[in-house]
Amino acid sequence: MTDFFMKQNDTQPTLVAVLTETPSGGKAEAIDLTAAEKVYLIVREKGASDPTEPKFKKECSITSAEGGEVAYEWDAEDTDTSGEFNFEFEIVWAPGETETVPRQGYYLLDVEDDLG
């Protein structure tokens, strides 16, 4: 199931996400990003031959620290290739301390061919 759709070469709409975690046996809760130094969006082509090499890793804006909300403004080169891409967020809490969301699996981005 695709989580976000874009057309090739588009830079809108902004990707807005609420980063969540699910305590054992509980329901999803927003991650408080107040102490986060940075949050990165990491995107990799789905089924890439080198799974350690992302298409890009770029910083997101934290738009609501307490609400766990981040936003990413696309650059033209981010969507220059059509296809399916896995993506995840990397939270940097302090030097050497990171957390990846989602903890299991990936989100799916579909960049569809542009007719013009």
C-alpha atoms as a PDB file:
ATOM      1  CA  MET A   1       0.000   0.000   0.000  1.00  0.00           C
ATOM      2  CA  THR A   2       1.455   3.351  -1.032  1.00  0.00           C
ATOM      3  CA  ASP A   3       1.826   5.954   1.721  1.00  0.00           C
ATOM      4  CA  PHE A   4       2.626   8.994  -0.460  1.00  0.00           C
ATOM      5  CA  PHE A   5       2.214   9.813  -4.158  1.00  0.00           C
ATOM      6  CA  MET A   6       4.157  12.306  -6.294  1.00  0.00           C
ATOM      7  CA  LYS A   7       4.427  13.027 -10.005  1.00  0.00           C
ATOM      8  CA  GLN A   8       7.880  12.953 -11.561  1.00  0.00           C
ATOM      9  CA  ASN A   9       9.725  16.308 -11.232  1.00  0.00           C
ATOM     10  CA  ASP A  10       7.111  17.813  -8.872  1.00  0.00           C
ATOM     11  CA  THR A  11       8.104  19.603  -5.672  1.00  0.00           C
ATOM     12  CA  GLN A  12       4.613  19.819  -4.146  1.00  0.00           C
ATOM     13  CA  PRO A  13       2.825  18.717  -2.022  1.00  0.00           C
ATOM     14  CA  THR A  14       5.040  18.899   1.040  1.00  0.00           C
ATOM     15  CA  LEU A  15       5.454  15.572   2.824  1.00  0.00           C
ATOM     16  CA  VAL A  16       4.016  16.010   6.330  1.00  0.00           C
ATOM     17  CA  ALA A  17       4.198  13.110   8.790  1.00  0.00           C
ATOM     18  CA  VAL A  18       3.550  12.446  12.455  1.00  0.00           C
ATOM     19  CA  LEU A  19       6.245  10.130  13.774  1.00  0.00           C
ATOM     20  CA  THR A  20       4.769   7.540  16.107  1.00  0.00           C
ATOM     21  CA  GLU A  21       5.753   4.626  18.264  1.00  0.00           C
ATOM     22  CA  THR A  22       3.568   1.891  19.681  1.00  0.00           C
ATOM     23  CA  PRO A  23       4.298   0.855  23.262  1.00  0.00           C
ATOM     24  CA  SER A  24       4.006  -2.874  23.844  1.00  0.00           C
ATOM     25  CA  GLY A  25       0.325  -3.775  23.653  1.00  0.00           C
ATOM     26  CA  GLY A  26      -0.726  -0.146  23.306  1.00  0.00           C
ATOM     27  CA  LYS A  27      -1.859   2.182  20.557  1.00  0.00           C
ATOM     28  CA  ALA A  28       0.339   4.450  18.439  1.00  0.00           C
ATOM     29  CA  GLU A  29       1.519   7.631  20.159  1.00  0.00           C
ATOM     30  CA  ALA A  30       3.329  10.625  18.692  1.00  0.00           C
ATOM     31  CA  ILE A  31       7.042  10.725  19.490  1.00  0.00           C
ATOM     32  CA  ASP A  32       7.946  13.887  21.413  1.00  0.00           C
ATOM     33  CA  LEU A  33      10.725  15.457  19.333  1.00  0.00           C
ATOM     34  CA  THR A  34      11.516  18.266  21.805  1.00  0.00           C
ATOM     35  CA  ALA A  35      14.968  16.805  22.526  1.00  0.00           C
ATOM     36  CA  ALA A  36      15.678  15.833  18.902  1.00  0.00           C
ATOM     37  CA  GLU A  37      18.603  17.573  17.241  1.00  0.00           C
ATOM     38  CA  LYS A  38      17.524  16.691  13.692  1.00  0.00           C
ATOM     39  CA  VAL A  39      15.193  14.465  11.709  1.00  0.00           C
ATOM     40  CA  TYR A  40      16.185  13.120   8.297  1.00  0.00           C
ATOM     41  CA  LEU A  41      14.099  11.677   5.476  1.00  0.00           C
ATOM     42  CA  ILE A  42      15.901   8.739   3.857  1.00  0.00           C
ATOM     43  CA  VAL A  43      14.652   7.520   0.469  1.00  0.00           C
ATOM     44  CA  ARG A  44      15.856   4.446  -1.441  1.00  0.00           C
ATOM     45  CA  GLU A  45      14.611   2.843  -4.644  1.00  0.00           C
ATOM     46  CA  LYS A  46      12.457  -0.178  -3.793  1.00  0.00           C
ATOM     47  CA  GLY A  47      14.430  -3.342  -4.543  1.00  0.00           C
ATOM     48  CA  ALA A  48      17.703  -1.405  -5.026  1.00  0.00           C
ATOM     49  CA  SER A  49      20.703  -3.613  -5.743  1.00  0.00           C
ATOM     50  CA  ASP A  50      22.714  -1.766  -3.068  1.00  0.00           C
ATOM     51  CA  PRO A  51      20.388  -1.438  -0.071  1.00  0.00           C
ATOM     52  CA  THR A  52      22.955   0.654   1.820  1.00  0.00           C
ATOM     53  CA  GLU A  53      22.954   3.469  -0.781  1.00  0.00           C
ATOM     54  CA  PRO A  54      19.906   5.748  -0.523  1.00  0.00           C
ATOM     55  CA  LYS A  55      18.728   8.009  -3.352  1.00  0.00           C
ATOM     56  CA  PHE A  56      18.985  10.784  -0.774  1.00  0.00           C
ATOM     57  CA  LYS A  57      19.113  11.581   2.921  1.00  0.00           C
ATOM     58  CA  LYS A  58      17.960  15.122   3.707  1.00  0.00           C
ATOM     59  CA  GLU A  59      16.888  17.046   6.773  1.00  0.00           C
ATOM     60  CA  CYS A  60      13.211  17.601   7.585  1.00  0.00           C
ATOM     61  CA  SER A  61      11.726  20.535   9.464  1.00  0.00           C
ATOM     62  CA  ILE A  62      10.256  19.744  12.872  1.00  0.00           C
ATOM     63  CA  THR A  63       6.892  21.504  12.683  1.00  0.00           C
ATOM     64  CA  SER A  64       5.437  20.328  16.015  1.00  0.00           C
ATOM     65  CA  ALA A  65       8.031  18.918  18.409  1.00  0.00           C
ATOM     66  CA  GLU A  66       5.541  17.811  21.070  1.00  0.00           C
ATOM     67  CA  GLY A  67       3.169  16.424  18.418  1.00  0.00           C
ATOM     68  CA  GLY A  68       5.933  14.491  16.609  1.00  0.00           C
ATOM     69  CA  GLU A  69       5.224  16.268  13.318  1.00  0.00           C
ATOM     70  CA  VAL A  70       7.833  16.814  10.610  1.00  0.00           C
ATOM     71  CA  ALA A  71       7.686  18.271   7.099  1.00  0.00           C
ATOM     72  CA  TYR A  72       9.880  17.774   4.065  1.00  0.00           C
ATOM     73  CA  GLU A  73      10.020  20.249   1.162  1.00  0.00           C
ATOM     74  CA  TRP A  74      10.946  18.344  -2.010  1.00  0.00           C
ATOM     75  CA  ASP A  75      13.846  19.391  -4.249  1.00  0.00           C
ATOM     76  CA  ALA A  76      13.513  18.818  -8.014  1.00  0.00           C
ATOM     77  CA  GLU A  77      16.161  16.068  -8.017  1.00  0.00           C
ATOM     78  CA  ASP A  78      14.250  14.141  -5.324  1.00  0.00           C
ATOM     79  CA  THR A  79      11.494  13.221  -7.776  1.00  0.00           C
ATOM     80  CA  ASP A  80      13.454  13.178 -11.060  1.00  0.00           C
ATOM     81  CA  THR A  81      13.093   9.394 -11.350  1.00  0.00           C
ATOM     82  CA  SER A  82       9.754   7.608 -11.529  1.00  0.00           C
ATOM     83  CA  GLY A  83       9.187   4.370  -9.654  1.00  0.00           C
ATOM     84  CA  GLU A  84       8.551   3.012  -6.182  1.00  0.00           C
ATOM     85  CA  PHE A  85      10.756   4.062  -3.288  1.00  0.00           C
ATOM     86  CA  ASN A  86      11.008   3.000   0.342  1.00  0.00           C
ATOM     87  CA  PHE A  87      11.373   5.777   2.867  1.00  0.00           C
ATOM     88  CA  GLU A  88      11.937   6.180   6.570  1.00  0.00           C
ATOM     89  CA  PHE A  89      12.775   8.887   9.069  1.00  0.00           C
ATOM     90  CA  GLU A  90      15.918   9.000  11.194  1.00  0.00           C
ATOM     91  CA  ILE A  91      15.720  10.966  14.434  1.00  0.00           C
ATOM     92  CA  VAL A  92      19.042  12.211  15.833  1.00  0.00           C
ATOM     93  CA  TRP A  93      18.700  12.680  19.581  1.00  0.00           C
ATOM     94  CA  ALA A  94      22.336  13.414  20.398  1.00  0.00           C
ATOM     95  CA  PRO A  95      25.648  12.553  18.754  1.00  0.00           C
ATOM     96  CA  GLY A  96      25.632   8.795  18.311  1.00  0.00           C
ATOM     97  CA  GLU A  97      21.994   8.362  19.371  1.00  0.00           C
ATOM     98  CA  THR A  98      19.509   7.699  16.569  1.00  0.00           C
ATOM     99  CA  GLU A  99      16.055   6.205  16.196  1.00  0.00           C
ATOM    100  CA  THR A 100      14.453   5.078  12.933  1.00  0.00           C
ATOM    101  CA  VAL A 101      10.723   5.364  12.186  1.00  0.00           C
ATOM    102  CA  PRO A 102       9.112   3.060  11.314  1.00  0.00           C
ATOM    103  CA  ARG A 103      10.975   0.552  13.447  1.00  0.00           C
ATOM    104  CA  GLN A 104       9.884  -2.301  11.207  1.00  0.00           C
ATOM    105  CA  GLY A 105       9.520  -2.147   7.436  1.00  0.00           C
ATOM    106  CA  TYR A 106       9.303   1.055   5.403  1.00  0.00           C
ATOM    107  CA  TYR A 107       6.862   3.623   4.115  1.00  0.00           C
ATOM    108  CA  LEU A 108       6.222   3.535   0.359  1.00  0.00           C
ATOM    109  CA  LEU A 109       6.540   6.490  -2.027  1.00  0.00           C
ATOM    110  CA  ASP A 110       5.202   6.189  -5.595  1.00  0.00           C
ATOM    111  CA  VAL A 111       6.654   8.677  -8.104  1.00  0.00           C
ATOM    112  CA  GLU A 112       4.517   8.383 -11.226  1.00  0.00           C
ATOM    113  CA  ASP A 113       5.642   9.364 -14.749  1.00  0.00           C
ATOM    114  CA  ASP A 114       4.823  12.948 -15.714  1.00  0.00           C
ATOM    115  CA  LEU A 115       3.064  13.229 -19.098  1.00  0.00           C
ATOM    116  CA  GLY A 116       4.432  16.728 -19.796  1.00  0.00           C
END
